[in-house]
Amino acid sequence: MKIGRRPRQKQVSGDGNRFAVVVSRFNIPVTKKLLDGAIDCLTQHGVRNEDIQIFLCPGAFELPQVAARLCASGKWDAVICLGAVIRGETPHFEYVAAEAARGIQDVALRYSIPVTFGVLTTETVRQARERAGGKRGNKGWDAALASLEMSELFGRLRKGRKSVSKKKHGGDARYR
């Protein structure tokens, strides 16, 4: 396996699950493409359009606040956070990028539902576009796929089922 490549996962289904997608309006030409990728991923994995709701917020800094409210509502099986923080001429980039990441992680750890991170932090607009449907893929799709996989895993954990068969791994007790 190449470093940086995710191992091939089994097909996951989001059928019957509800997803909230929080999108930053700042850098909207980029975040709209992230949103398109996320919606494509969810619908191609069996999530019905009526089970997806989009929430717009001003910027990446506000993503954790909205995600926390959505998680607290208990209405969602997963929350997907999408944004783009592009370096400028001031240190503002570092503060916004770091606090958005920290805040989203704090929300993810506080609630019992998956909260995924689809926030680009790039040096240039070109790099952001490449990661929002360009030659580097679509990180919105990746964040949605992570939410599907985590929703499935959380469901198994709630039911007390193991995530990987020991038989497939020669009885190795590390795989649960």
Protein backbone atom coordinates (compact mmCIF):
# COMPACT_ATOMS: atom_id res chain seq x y z
CA MET A 1 0.00 0.00 0.00
CA LYS A 2 1.30 3.46 -0.88
CA ILE A 3 1.76 5.92 1.94
CA GLY A 4 -1.05 8.45 2.04
CA ARG A 5 -3.52 6.12 0.33
CA ARG A 6 -6.56 4.86 2.18
CA PRO A 7 -7.10 1.10 2.06
CA ARG A 8 -10.05 0.12 -0.08
CA GLN A 9 -13.20 0.09 2.02
CA LYS A 10 -16.30 -1.99 1.55
CA GLN A 11 -19.28 -0.22 0.05
CA VAL A 12 -21.17 1.68 2.75
CA SER A 13 -24.81 2.66 2.60
CA GLY A 14 -26.33 5.75 4.11
CA ASP A 15 -29.88 4.62 3.43
CA GLY A 16 -32.13 5.61 6.33
CA ASN A 17 -29.59 8.00 7.88
CA ARG A 18 -29.94 11.79 8.16
CA PHE A 19 -27.00 14.09 7.40
CA ALA A 20 -26.49 17.75 8.20
CA VAL A 21 -23.98 19.58 6.01
CA VAL A 22 -22.61 22.85 7.40
CA VAL A 23 -21.01 25.03 4.73
CA SER A 24 -18.98 28.21 5.10
CA ARG A 25 -20.10 31.03 2.77
CA PHE A 26 -16.63 32.58 2.87
CA ASN A 27 -14.78 31.45 -0.29
CA ILE A 28 -18.14 30.28 -1.70
CA PRO A 29 -16.78 29.46 -5.19
CA VAL A 30 -14.67 26.77 -3.49
CA THR A 31 -17.09 25.69 -0.74
CA LYS A 32 -19.93 25.28 -3.28
CA LYS A 33 -17.80 22.70 -5.09
CA LEU A 34 -17.05 20.96 -1.78
CA LEU A 35 -20.80 20.87 -1.12
CA ASP A 36 -21.47 19.43 -4.58
CA GLY A 37 -18.93 16.67 -3.90
CA ALA A 38 -20.45 15.88 -0.50
CA ILE A 39 -24.00 15.70 -1.88
CA ASP A 40 -22.87 13.51 -4.79
CA CYS A 41 -21.17 11.13 -2.37
CA LEU A 42 -24.14 10.89 -0.03
CA THR A 43 -26.71 10.33 -2.79
CA GLN A 44 -24.50 7.79 -4.57
CA HIS A 45 -24.34 5.88 -1.29
CA GLY A 46 -28.11 5.64 -0.91
CA VAL A 47 -28.94 8.75 1.11
CA ARG A 48 -32.22 10.30 -0.02
CA ASN A 49 -32.27 14.03 -0.80
CA GLU A 50 -34.86 14.58 1.94
CA ASP A 51 -32.41 13.11 4.47
CA ILE A 52 -29.78 15.77 3.70
CA GLN A 53 -30.08 19.31 5.01
CA ILE A 54 -27.64 22.13 4.25
CA PHE A 55 -26.82 24.89 6.74
CA LEU A 56 -24.84 27.94 5.61
CA CYS A 57 -22.71 29.93 8.05
CA PRO A 58 -20.53 33.02 7.53
CA GLY A 59 -17.09 31.42 7.67
CA ALA A 60 -14.95 28.49 8.80
CA PHE A 61 -14.60 29.96 12.29
CA GLU A 62 -18.38 29.57 12.78
CA LEU A 63 -18.58 25.95 11.60
CA PRO A 64 -18.08 24.44 15.10
CA GLN A 65 -20.83 26.61 16.59
CA VAL A 66 -23.38 25.42 14.06
CA ALA A 67 -22.16 21.81 14.28
CA ALA A 68 -22.60 21.87 18.08
CA ARG A 69 -26.20 23.09 17.80
CA LEU A 70 -26.99 20.42 15.21
CA CYS A 71 -25.44 17.67 17.32
CA ALA A 72 -27.31 18.84 20.42
CA SER A 73 -30.62 18.60 18.52
CA GLY A 74 -30.34 14.80 18.22
CA LYS A 75 -31.85 14.91 14.71
CA TRP A 76 -28.78 13.86 12.74
CA ASP A 77 -26.78 10.68 12.22
CA ALA A 78 -23.73 12.72 11.18
CA VAL A 79 -22.66 16.32 10.65
CA ILE A 80 -20.30 17.25 7.80
CA CYS A 81 -18.37 20.54 8.08
CA LEU A 82 -17.13 22.16 4.85
CA GLY A 83 -15.05 25.29 4.45
CA ALA A 84 -11.98 26.82 2.83
CA VAL A 85 -9.35 28.88 4.61
CA ILE A 86 -6.85 30.34 2.15
CA ARG A 87 -3.67 32.04 3.34
CA GLY A 88 -3.52 35.80 2.94
CA GLU A 89 -0.99 38.43 3.92
CA THR A 90 -1.71 38.41 7.67
CA PRO A 91 -1.58 35.76 10.43
CA HIS A 92 -5.41 35.61 10.37
CA PHE A 93 -5.13 32.34 8.39
CA GLU A 94 -3.39 30.52 11.26
CA TYR A 95 -5.98 31.59 13.82
CA VAL A 96 -9.02 30.71 11.72
CA ALA A 97 -7.62 27.40 10.45
CA ALA A 98 -6.48 26.25 13.88
CA GLU A 99 -9.65 27.27 15.70
CA ALA A 100 -11.93 25.76 13.07
CA ALA A 101 -10.06 22.44 13.33
CA ARG A 102 -9.96 22.52 17.13
CA GLY A 103 -13.61 23.51 17.39
CA ILE A 104 -14.83 20.81 15.03
CA GLN A 105 -12.78 18.20 16.89
CA ASP A 106 -14.18 19.43 20.23
CA VAL A 107 -17.73 19.01 18.90
CA ALA A 108 -16.90 15.55 17.53
CA LEU A 109 -15.61 14.43 20.93
CA ARG A 110 -18.48 15.98 22.90
CA TYR A 111 -21.36 14.27 21.07
CA SER A 112 -22.14 10.67 20.20
CA ILE A 113 -22.47 11.23 16.47
CA PRO A 114 -19.81 11.61 13.78
CA VAL A 115 -18.69 15.15 12.93
CA THR A 116 -16.35 15.19 9.93
CA PHE A 117 -13.80 17.77 8.85
CA GLY A 118 -13.95 18.96 5.25
CA VAL A 119 -12.16 22.27 5.67
CA LEU A 120 -9.45 23.08 3.17
CA THR A 121 -6.44 25.00 4.50
CA THR A 122 -4.39 26.03 1.50
CA GLU A 123 -1.74 28.52 0.50
CA THR A 124 -3.50 29.63 -2.70
CA VAL A 125 -6.90 29.73 -4.37
CA ARG A 126 -5.50 27.42 -7.07
CA GLN A 127 -4.65 24.78 -4.44
CA ALA A 128 -8.14 25.08 -2.99
CA ARG A 129 -9.77 24.63 -6.41
CA GLU A 130 -7.60 21.56 -7.08
CA ARG A 131 -8.97 19.99 -3.86
CA ALA A 132 -12.58 21.00 -4.54
CA GLY A 133 -13.24 18.94 -7.65
CA GLY A 134 -9.98 19.53 -9.49
CA LYS A 135 -7.04 17.25 -10.13
CA ARG A 136 -6.58 16.57 -6.39
CA GLY A 137 -10.10 15.20 -5.97
CA ASN A 138 -12.91 16.63 -3.90
CA LYS A 139 -12.43 16.86 -0.15
CA GLY A 140 -16.17 17.44 0.24
CA TRP A 141 -16.70 13.93 -1.15
CA ASP A 142 -14.01 12.62 1.22
CA ALA A 143 -15.64 14.26 4.26
CA ALA A 144 -19.04 12.81 3.28
CA LEU A 145 -17.55 9.35 2.78
CA ALA A 146 -15.90 9.57 6.20
CA SER A 147 -19.28 10.49 7.71
CA LEU A 148 -20.91 7.48 6.04
CA GLU A 149 -18.19 5.14 7.31
CA MET A 150 -18.27 6.62 10.81
CA SER A 151 -22.08 6.46 10.95
CA GLU A 152 -21.92 2.79 10.09
CA LEU A 153 -19.19 2.18 12.68
CA PHE A 154 -21.08 4.10 15.38
CA GLY A 155 -24.17 2.02 14.59
CA ARG A 156 -22.19 -1.19 15.08
CA LEU A 157 -20.71 0.13 18.32
CA ARG A 158 -24.20 1.01 19.63
CA LYS A 159 -25.31 -2.55 18.89
CA GLY A 160 -22.19 -4.03 20.46
CA ARG A 161 -20.98 -5.61 17.21
CA LYS A 162 -17.35 -5.88 16.33
CA SER A 163 -16.08 -3.79 13.43
CA VAL A 164 -13.86 -6.42 11.79
CA SER A 165 -14.16 -10.16 11.85
CA LYS A 166 -11.38 -11.88 13.82
CA LYS A 167 -11.65 -14.77 11.39
CA LYS A 168 -10.52 -12.54 8.51
CA HIS A 169 -7.42 -11.60 10.48
CA GLY A 170 -6.36 -15.02 11.71
CA GLY A 171 -8.03 -14.61 15.09
CA ASP A 172 -5.94 -11.55 15.94
CA ALA A 173 -7.65 -10.04 18.99
CA ARG A 174 -6.55 -6.52 18.03
CA TYR A 175 -9.26 -6.43 15.34
CA ARG A 176 -12.55 -5.75 17.02
